[in-house]
Amino acid sequence: MIVHACHCSWCQRETGTVHALNALYEADRVEHLKAEPEIIDTPSASGRGQKIARCPVCKVAVWSNYPGSGHAVRFVRVGTMDDPGQCPPDVHIFTSTKQPWVTLPPGARAFAEFYNPAEVWSDEMKARHRAAREKMKK
């Protein structure tokens, strides 16, 4: 639906690098090919936490679920995908805490904190998100 480059200090700490790169997909569109991931409850800056799915073998974070979207949407770590080059960031978020030496590309859509999805997401993205959440209620 959209790819976030999150520059918040929590993502920096959790990834051990300058940002997390997450592609948002409906949960039923995400297929893992090996063992069932371990789901780890992890604190977050919001206080609402997140659930991080980790590979049970190598412990790499594969995706997260956040309370705002629940289990309907997975924030897939782009680096774990078969072809990460197909998922450049659509938006840079929480740039107020990005490292000062990180330079965003000219014209990049950047937000000091999070953004209002109603103002950023296309009508198709809104419909996909709404449908995913409705599917999870059943």
Protein backbone atom coordinates (compact mmCIF):
# COMPACT_ATOMS: atom_id res chain seq x y z
CA MET A 1 0.00 0.00 0.00
CA ILE A 2 2.82 2.41 0.98
CA VAL A 3 6.47 2.21 2.05
CA HIS A 4 7.60 4.10 5.15
CA ALA A 5 11.15 5.06 5.97
CA CYS A 6 10.73 5.62 9.70
CA HIS A 7 13.47 7.71 11.28
CA CYS A 8 12.11 7.62 14.85
CA SER A 9 14.59 6.90 17.62
CA TRP A 10 12.75 3.67 18.50
CA CYS A 11 13.19 2.28 14.98
CA GLN A 12 16.81 3.34 15.03
CA ARG A 13 17.33 1.42 18.27
CA GLU A 14 15.39 -1.66 17.17
CA THR A 15 17.07 -1.94 13.76
CA GLY A 16 20.53 -0.81 14.81
CA THR A 17 20.63 1.63 11.91
CA VAL A 18 19.30 5.05 10.86
CA HIS A 19 15.75 4.03 9.94
CA ALA A 20 13.35 1.16 9.42
CA LEU A 21 12.04 0.59 5.92
CA ASN A 22 8.56 -0.94 6.10
CA ALA A 23 6.21 -1.87 3.25
CA LEU A 24 2.61 -1.96 4.41
CA TYR A 25 0.66 -4.97 3.12
CA GLU A 26 -2.62 -6.58 3.98
CA ALA A 27 -1.85 -9.53 6.28
CA ASP A 28 -3.35 -12.05 3.86
CA ARG A 29 -0.95 -10.88 1.12
CA VAL A 30 2.15 -11.67 3.21
CA GLU A 31 3.51 -15.16 2.77
CA HIS A 32 6.38 -16.55 4.78
CA LEU A 33 8.04 -19.55 3.23
CA LYS A 34 9.72 -21.26 6.16
CA ALA A 35 8.95 -21.80 9.84
CA GLU A 36 6.19 -19.92 11.64
CA PRO A 37 7.62 -16.65 12.98
CA GLU A 38 7.89 -15.90 16.69
CA ILE A 39 5.68 -12.98 17.73
CA ILE A 40 7.39 -10.73 20.27
CA ASP A 41 5.52 -7.99 22.15
CA THR A 42 7.75 -4.94 22.05
CA PRO A 43 7.29 -1.49 23.65
CA SER A 44 6.95 1.60 21.46
CA ALA A 45 7.13 5.35 21.93
CA SER A 46 3.32 5.58 21.79
CA GLY A 47 3.05 3.32 24.83
CA ARG A 48 0.76 1.01 22.83
CA GLY A 49 3.54 -1.36 21.76
CA GLN A 50 3.94 -3.43 18.64
CA LYS A 51 4.15 -7.10 17.82
CA ILE A 52 7.30 -7.99 15.93
CA ALA A 53 7.36 -11.24 13.94
CA ARG A 54 10.86 -12.70 14.01
CA CYS A 55 12.36 -15.63 12.18
CA PRO A 56 12.64 -18.44 14.76
CA VAL A 57 16.03 -19.46 13.36
CA CYS A 58 17.98 -16.22 12.79
CA LYS A 59 15.75 -13.89 14.89
CA VAL A 60 15.61 -11.21 12.15
CA ALA A 61 12.50 -9.02 12.32
CA VAL A 62 10.30 -9.85 9.33
CA TRP A 63 7.26 -7.66 10.02
CA SER A 64 5.46 -5.72 12.74
CA ASN A 65 1.83 -5.21 13.64
CA TYR A 66 0.87 -1.92 15.29
CA PRO A 67 -2.31 -1.26 17.32
CA GLY A 68 -3.65 1.28 14.79
CA SER A 69 -4.07 -1.38 12.11
CA GLY A 70 -4.09 -4.41 14.36
CA HIS A 71 -3.46 -7.73 12.67
CA ALA A 72 -4.97 -6.49 9.39
CA VAL A 73 -1.81 -4.80 8.09
CA ARG A 74 1.75 -6.02 8.32
CA PHE A 75 4.65 -3.59 8.22
CA VAL A 76 7.07 -5.82 6.31
CA ARG A 77 10.78 -5.08 6.64
CA VAL A 78 11.77 -4.35 3.06
CA GLY A 79 15.23 -5.88 3.49
CA THR A 80 13.64 -9.30 4.14
CA MET A 81 11.76 -9.34 0.83
CA ASP A 82 12.85 -11.28 -2.26
CA ASP A 83 13.47 -8.05 -4.20
CA PRO A 84 13.89 -5.10 -1.81
CA GLY A 85 14.89 -2.82 -4.68
CA GLN A 86 11.24 -2.79 -5.75
CA CYS A 87 10.20 -0.96 -2.57
CA PRO A 88 11.85 2.46 -2.27
CA PRO A 89 10.30 4.71 0.40
CA ASP A 90 7.15 6.63 -0.51
CA VAL A 91 7.37 8.74 2.64
CA HIS A 92 9.93 9.54 5.33
CA ILE A 93 8.35 9.80 8.77
CA PHE A 94 9.56 11.05 12.15
CA THR A 95 12.29 13.04 10.45
CA SER A 96 12.44 15.30 13.51
CA THR A 97 14.63 12.58 15.06
CA LYS A 98 16.54 11.46 11.97
CA GLN A 99 20.29 11.50 12.23
CA PRO A 100 21.59 14.92 11.18
CA TRP A 101 23.95 13.43 8.59
CA VAL A 102 21.14 11.56 6.80
CA THR A 103 20.23 13.46 3.64
CA LEU A 104 16.84 12.86 2.10
CA PRO A 105 16.55 12.86 -1.69
CA PRO A 106 15.34 16.08 -3.32
CA GLY A 107 11.56 16.08 -3.52
CA ALA A 108 11.14 13.32 -0.92
CA ARG A 109 7.82 13.37 0.92
CA ALA A 110 8.94 13.92 4.50
CA PHE A 111 7.05 14.48 7.74
CA ALA A 112 8.52 15.67 11.03
CA GLU A 113 6.30 13.18 12.87
CA PHE A 114 3.60 10.88 11.48
CA TYR A 115 1.18 12.06 8.81
CA ASN A 116 -2.58 12.08 8.40
CA PRO A 117 -3.39 9.06 6.18
CA ALA A 118 -6.53 10.83 4.91
CA GLU A 119 -4.26 13.46 3.37
CA VAL A 120 -1.49 11.17 2.09
CA TRP A 121 -3.03 7.85 1.06
CA SER A 122 -4.71 7.43 -2.30
CA ASP A 123 -8.36 6.42 -2.45
CA GLU A 124 -7.23 2.91 -3.45
CA MET A 125 -4.96 2.65 -0.39
CA LYS A 126 -7.74 3.82 1.91
CA ALA A 127 -10.11 1.24 0.43
CA ARG A 128 -7.54 -1.56 0.76
CA HIS A 129 -6.85 -0.62 4.40
CA ARG A 130 -10.55 -0.43 5.21
CA ALA A 131 -11.20 -3.81 3.53
CA ALA A 132 -8.31 -5.45 5.41
CA ARG A 133 -9.59 -4.19 8.75
CA GLU A 134 -13.14 -5.34 7.96
CA LYS A 135 -11.88 -8.79 6.94
CA MET A 136 -10.10 -9.14 10.30
CA LYS A 137 -13.32 -8.38 12.21
CA LYS A 138 -15.02 -11.46 10.76
